[in-house]
Amino acid sequence: MYNTSLAQFLGLFYYSIANSTKAIIVKDRVQNIINALTKKVYRYINRGLFERDKVTFKLMMAFKILIKAQVLTSADVGVFLKAGGGISDNNNKFKSWLE
């Protein structure tokens, strides 16, 4: 139902390059561009969503950011999405806090 074109994304990408914080070290500059692009894409997409889909989009973005930052694993997200249904009762490390 929702579509964005490559041209729209490239516009956001070029905007992020032009307006992100400058840095002398390449690694820092790339991270600044990534942060600016993430924020810009989030705002752009969220603005065009139906109200009922905004929370789902925010949750998907948060999960993906946490997975990329290695705070969560895909398995952790799977446990959340399946509401614990995929966890066997044996060796359940989440048993103490996830009912």
N, C-alpha and C. Protein backbone atom coordinates (compact mmCIF):
# COMPACT_ATOMS: atom_id res chain seq x y z
N MET A 1 0.83 -1.18 0.00
CA MET A 1 0.00 0.00 0.00
C MET A 1 0.87 1.25 0.00
N TYR A 2 1.95 1.23 0.76
CA TYR A 2 2.85 2.39 0.80
C TYR A 2 4.01 2.16 -0.16
N ASN A 3 4.32 3.15 -0.95
CA ASN A 3 5.44 3.05 -1.89
C ASN A 3 6.27 4.32 -1.82
N THR A 4 7.56 4.14 -1.90
CA THR A 4 8.46 5.28 -2.07
C THR A 4 9.38 4.95 -3.23
N SER A 5 9.76 5.94 -3.96
CA SER A 5 10.60 5.71 -5.13
C SER A 5 12.07 5.89 -4.77
N LEU A 6 12.92 5.40 -5.65
CA LEU A 6 14.35 5.60 -5.47
C LEU A 6 14.69 7.08 -5.53
N ALA A 7 13.99 7.81 -6.38
CA ALA A 7 14.24 9.26 -6.49
C ALA A 7 13.92 9.97 -5.17
N GLN A 8 12.84 9.55 -4.50
CA GLN A 8 12.51 10.15 -3.20
C GLN A 8 13.60 9.85 -2.18
N PHE A 9 14.06 8.60 -2.14
CA PHE A 9 15.10 8.22 -1.20
C PHE A 9 16.40 8.97 -1.50
N LEU A 10 16.76 9.06 -2.77
CA LEU A 10 17.99 9.77 -3.12
C LEU A 10 17.93 11.23 -2.72
N GLY A 11 16.74 11.84 -2.83
CA GLY A 11 16.59 13.21 -2.37
C GLY A 11 16.89 13.34 -0.89
N LEU A 12 16.39 12.39 -0.10
CA LEU A 12 16.65 12.38 1.34
C LEU A 12 18.13 12.10 1.62
N PHE A 13 18.71 11.21 0.84
CA PHE A 13 20.12 10.87 1.00
C PHE A 13 21.02 12.07 0.73
N TYR A 14 20.79 12.74 -0.39
CA TYR A 14 21.60 13.92 -0.72
C TYR A 14 21.39 15.05 0.29
N TYR A 15 20.16 15.20 0.77
CA TYR A 15 19.89 16.20 1.81
C TYR A 15 20.70 15.88 3.06
N SER A 16 20.75 14.60 3.44
CA SER A 16 21.49 14.19 4.63
C SER A 16 22.98 14.44 4.48
N ILE A 17 23.51 14.19 3.30
CA ILE A 17 24.93 14.45 3.06
C ILE A 17 25.23 15.94 3.19
N ALA A 18 24.37 16.74 2.60
CA ALA A 18 24.61 18.19 2.60
C ALA A 18 24.41 18.83 3.97
N ASN A 19 23.50 18.29 4.78
CA ASN A 19 23.13 18.96 6.02
C ASN A 19 23.58 18.25 7.30
N SER A 20 24.28 17.13 7.18
CA SER A 20 24.76 16.47 8.39
C SER A 20 26.00 17.19 8.92
N THR A 21 26.30 16.94 10.18
CA THR A 21 27.46 17.57 10.82
C THR A 21 28.74 17.13 10.13
N LYS A 22 29.59 18.08 9.79
CA LYS A 22 30.86 17.78 9.14
C LYS A 22 31.84 17.21 10.16
N ALA A 23 32.73 16.35 9.70
CA ALA A 23 33.76 15.78 10.56
C ALA A 23 35.01 15.53 9.74
N ILE A 24 36.15 15.65 10.37
CA ILE A 24 37.42 15.44 9.67
C ILE A 24 37.68 13.95 9.47
N ILE A 25 37.39 13.16 10.47
CA ILE A 25 37.61 11.72 10.39
C ILE A 25 36.46 11.10 9.59
N VAL A 26 36.81 10.30 8.59
CA VAL A 26 35.82 9.73 7.67
C VAL A 26 34.79 8.88 8.42
N LYS A 27 35.25 8.08 9.37
CA LYS A 27 34.35 7.21 10.13
C LYS A 27 33.28 8.05 10.85
N ASP A 28 33.68 9.15 11.44
CA ASP A 28 32.73 10.03 12.13
C ASP A 28 31.78 10.69 11.14
N ARG A 29 32.30 11.09 9.98
CA ARG A 29 31.46 11.72 8.96
C ARG A 29 30.39 10.76 8.45
N VAL A 30 30.80 9.52 8.20
CA VAL A 30 29.84 8.51 7.74
C VAL A 30 28.77 8.27 8.80
N GLN A 31 29.16 8.20 10.06
CA GLN A 31 28.19 7.99 11.13
C GLN A 31 27.23 9.18 11.23
N ASN A 32 27.73 10.39 11.05
CA ASN A 32 26.87 11.57 11.06
C ASN A 32 25.86 11.54 9.91
N ILE A 33 26.30 11.09 8.75
CA ILE A 33 25.38 10.97 7.60
C ILE A 33 24.33 9.90 7.86
N ILE A 34 24.75 8.77 8.41
CA ILE A 34 23.80 7.70 8.74
C ILE A 34 22.76 8.19 9.73
N ASN A 35 23.20 8.89 10.77
CA ASN A 35 22.26 9.40 11.78
C ASN A 35 21.29 10.41 11.18
N ALA A 36 21.80 11.30 10.35
CA ALA A 36 20.94 12.30 9.70
C ALA A 36 19.95 11.65 8.76
N LEU A 37 20.42 10.67 7.98
CA LEU A 37 19.55 9.98 7.03
C LEU A 37 18.47 9.19 7.76
N THR A 38 18.84 8.51 8.83
CA THR A 38 17.86 7.75 9.61
C THR A 38 16.76 8.66 10.13
N LYS A 39 17.15 9.78 10.67
CA LYS A 39 16.17 10.74 11.20
C LYS A 39 15.28 11.30 10.09
N LYS A 40 15.89 11.64 8.96
CA LYS A 40 15.14 12.23 7.85
C LYS A 40 14.16 11.23 7.25
N VAL A 41 14.61 9.99 7.04
CA VAL A 41 13.73 8.95 6.49
C VAL A 41 12.59 8.66 7.45
N TYR A 42 12.92 8.57 8.73
CA TYR A 42 11.88 8.31 9.74
C TYR A 42 10.79 9.39 9.68
N ARG A 43 11.20 10.65 9.69
CA ARG A 43 10.22 11.74 9.66
C ARG A 43 9.42 11.76 8.36
N TYR A 44 10.10 11.51 7.25
CA TYR A 44 9.46 11.54 5.94
C TYR A 44 8.40 10.44 5.82
N ILE A 45 8.77 9.23 6.20
CA ILE A 45 7.84 8.10 6.10
C ILE A 45 6.72 8.25 7.11
N ASN A 46 7.04 8.61 8.34
CA ASN A 46 6.03 8.72 9.39
C ASN A 46 4.97 9.77 9.06
N ARG A 47 5.39 10.82 8.37
CA ARG A 47 4.45 11.87 7.99
C ARG A 47 3.39 11.37 7.02
N GLY A 48 3.74 10.40 6.18
CA GLY A 48 2.81 9.91 5.16
C GLY A 48 1.99 8.70 5.56
N LEU A 49 2.17 8.21 6.77
CA LEU A 49 1.45 7.00 7.19
C LEU A 49 0.07 7.31 7.73
N PHE A 50 -0.81 6.33 7.59
CA PHE A 50 -2.10 6.42 8.28
C PHE A 50 -1.83 6.32 9.78
N GLU A 51 -2.69 6.92 10.56
CA GLU A 51 -2.50 6.95 12.02
C GLU A 51 -2.38 5.55 12.61
N ARG A 52 -3.16 4.61 12.09
CA ARG A 52 -3.15 3.24 12.65
C ARG A 52 -1.82 2.52 12.40
N ASP A 53 -1.04 2.96 11.41
CA ASP A 53 0.21 2.29 11.06
C ASP A 53 1.44 2.94 11.69
N LYS A 54 1.28 4.08 12.33
CA LYS A 54 2.43 4.81 12.85
C LYS A 54 3.14 4.07 13.99
N VAL A 55 2.39 3.46 14.89
CA VAL A 55 3.02 2.76 16.01
C VAL A 55 3.80 1.55 15.50
N THR A 56 3.23 0.83 14.54
CA THR A 56 3.91 -0.33 13.97
C THR A 56 5.22 0.09 13.30
N PHE A 57 5.18 1.18 12.56
CA PHE A 57 6.39 1.67 11.90
C PHE A 57 7.45 2.07 12.93
N LYS A 58 7.03 2.75 13.98
CA LYS A 58 7.98 3.16 15.02
C LYS A 58 8.62 1.95 15.69
N LEU A 59 7.82 0.93 15.94
CA LEU A 59 8.34 -0.29 16.56
C LEU A 59 9.32 -0.99 15.63
N MET A 60 9.00 -1.07 14.33
CA MET A 60 9.90 -1.69 13.37
C MET A 60 11.23 -0.93 13.28
N MET A 61 11.16 0.38 13.26
CA MET A 61 12.39 1.18 13.21
C MET A 61 13.22 0.98 14.48
N ALA A 62 12.58 1.00 15.62
CA ALA A 62 13.30 0.83 16.88
C ALA A 62 13.98 -0.54 16.94
N PHE A 63 13.26 -1.59 16.54
CA PHE A 63 13.85 -2.92 16.53
C PHE A 63 15.05 -3.00 15.60
N LYS A 64 14.92 -2.45 14.41
CA LYS A 64 16.02 -2.52 13.44
C LYS A 64 17.24 -1.75 13.92
N ILE A 65 17.02 -0.60 14.53
CA ILE A 65 18.14 0.17 15.06
C ILE A 65 18.83 -0.58 16.20
N LEU A 66 18.04 -1.19 17.08
CA LEU A 66 18.62 -1.95 18.20
C LEU A 66 19.34 -3.21 17.72
N ILE A 67 18.84 -3.84 16.67
CA ILE A 67 19.52 -5.01 16.12
C ILE A 67 20.84 -4.60 15.49
N LYS A 68 20.85 -3.52 14.71
CA LYS A 68 22.08 -3.04 14.08
C LYS A 68 23.11 -2.59 15.13
N ALA A 69 22.64 -2.04 16.25
CA ALA A 69 23.54 -1.62 17.33
C ALA A 69 23.96 -2.79 18.20
N GLN A 70 23.46 -3.97 17.89
CA GLN A 70 23.74 -5.21 18.62
C GLN A 70 23.31 -5.15 20.08
N VAL A 71 22.25 -4.37 20.34
CA VAL A 71 21.63 -4.35 21.66
C VAL A 71 20.66 -5.51 21.76
N LEU A 72 19.96 -5.80 20.66
CA LEU A 72 19.05 -6.93 20.56
C LEU A 72 19.51 -7.85 19.44
N THR A 73 19.06 -9.09 19.50
CA THR A 73 19.29 -10.02 18.40
C THR A 73 17.95 -10.25 17.69
N SER A 74 18.03 -10.83 16.52
CA SER A 74 16.80 -11.17 15.80
C SER A 74 15.96 -12.16 16.61
N ALA A 75 16.62 -13.02 17.35
CA ALA A 75 15.90 -13.98 18.18
C ALA A 75 15.12 -13.27 19.29
N ASP A 76 15.71 -12.23 19.87
CA ASP A 76 15.01 -11.45 20.90
C ASP A 76 13.74 -10.81 20.33
N VAL A 77 13.86 -10.26 19.14
CA VAL A 77 12.71 -9.63 18.50
C VAL A 77 11.66 -10.70 18.18
N GLY A 78 12.11 -11.87 17.74
CA GLY A 78 11.19 -12.98 17.48
C GLY A 78 10.41 -13.38 18.70
N VAL A 79 11.07 -13.40 19.85
CA VAL A 79 10.38 -13.73 21.10
C VAL A 79 9.30 -12.70 21.39
N PHE A 80 9.62 -11.45 21.18
CA PHE A 80 8.63 -10.39 21.41
C PHE A 80 7.45 -10.52 20.46
N LEU A 81 7.73 -10.73 19.19
CA LEU A 81 6.67 -10.78 18.19
C LEU A 81 5.80 -12.02 18.32
N LYS A 82 6.38 -13.12 18.75
CA LYS A 82 5.63 -14.36 18.90
C LYS A 82 5.00 -14.48 20.29
N ALA A 83 5.21 -13.49 21.12
CA ALA A 83 4.68 -13.47 22.49
C ALA A 83 5.11 -14.69 23.27
N GLY A 84 6.31 -15.17 23.01
CA GLY A 84 6.83 -16.31 23.75
C GLY A 84 6.34 -17.64 23.26
N GLY A 85 5.51 -17.67 22.23
CA GLY A 85 4.96 -18.92 21.73
C GLY A 85 6.00 -19.84 21.13
N GLY A 86 7.10 -19.27 20.64
CA GLY A 86 8.14 -20.08 20.02
C GLY A 86 9.18 -20.60 21.00
N ILE A 87 9.02 -20.31 22.26
CA ILE A 87 9.99 -20.73 23.27
C ILE A 87 9.51 -22.02 23.91
N SER A 88 10.38 -23.00 23.96
CA SER A 88 10.01 -24.23 24.66
C SER A 88 10.14 -23.99 26.16
N ASP A 89 9.43 -24.78 26.94
CA ASP A 89 9.47 -24.61 28.39
C ASP A 89 10.82 -25.01 28.98
N ASN A 90 11.54 -25.88 28.30
CA ASN A 90 12.87 -26.27 28.76
C ASN A 90 13.88 -25.21 28.31
N ASN A 91 14.81 -24.90 29.15
CA ASN A 91 15.85 -23.91 28.85
C ASN A 91 15.27 -22.55 28.49
N ASN A 92 14.25 -22.15 29.17
CA ASN A 92 13.60 -20.86 28.90
C ASN A 92 14.29 -19.79 29.72
N LYS A 93 15.21 -19.05 29.10
CA LYS A 93 15.95 -18.01 29.83
C LYS A 93 15.09 -16.79 30.12
N PHE A 94 13.91 -16.69 29.48
CA PHE A 94 13.02 -15.57 29.69
C PHE A 94 11.94 -15.87 30.72
N LYS A 95 11.95 -17.08 31.26
CA LYS A 95 10.88 -17.53 32.13
C LYS A 95 10.72 -16.67 33.37
N SER A 96 11.80 -16.10 33.87
CA SER A 96 11.71 -15.32 35.10
C SER A 96 10.97 -14.01 34.92
N TRP A 97 10.97 -13.43 33.73
CA TRP A 97 10.35 -12.14 33.54
C TRP A 97 9.29 -12.12 32.44
N LEU A 98 9.22 -13.17 31.61
CA LEU A 98 8.25 -13.19 30.52
C LEU A 98 7.24 -14.31 30.77
N GLU A 99 6.03 -13.92 31.11
CA GLU A 99 5.01 -14.94 31.40
C GLU A 99 4.32 -15.38 30.14
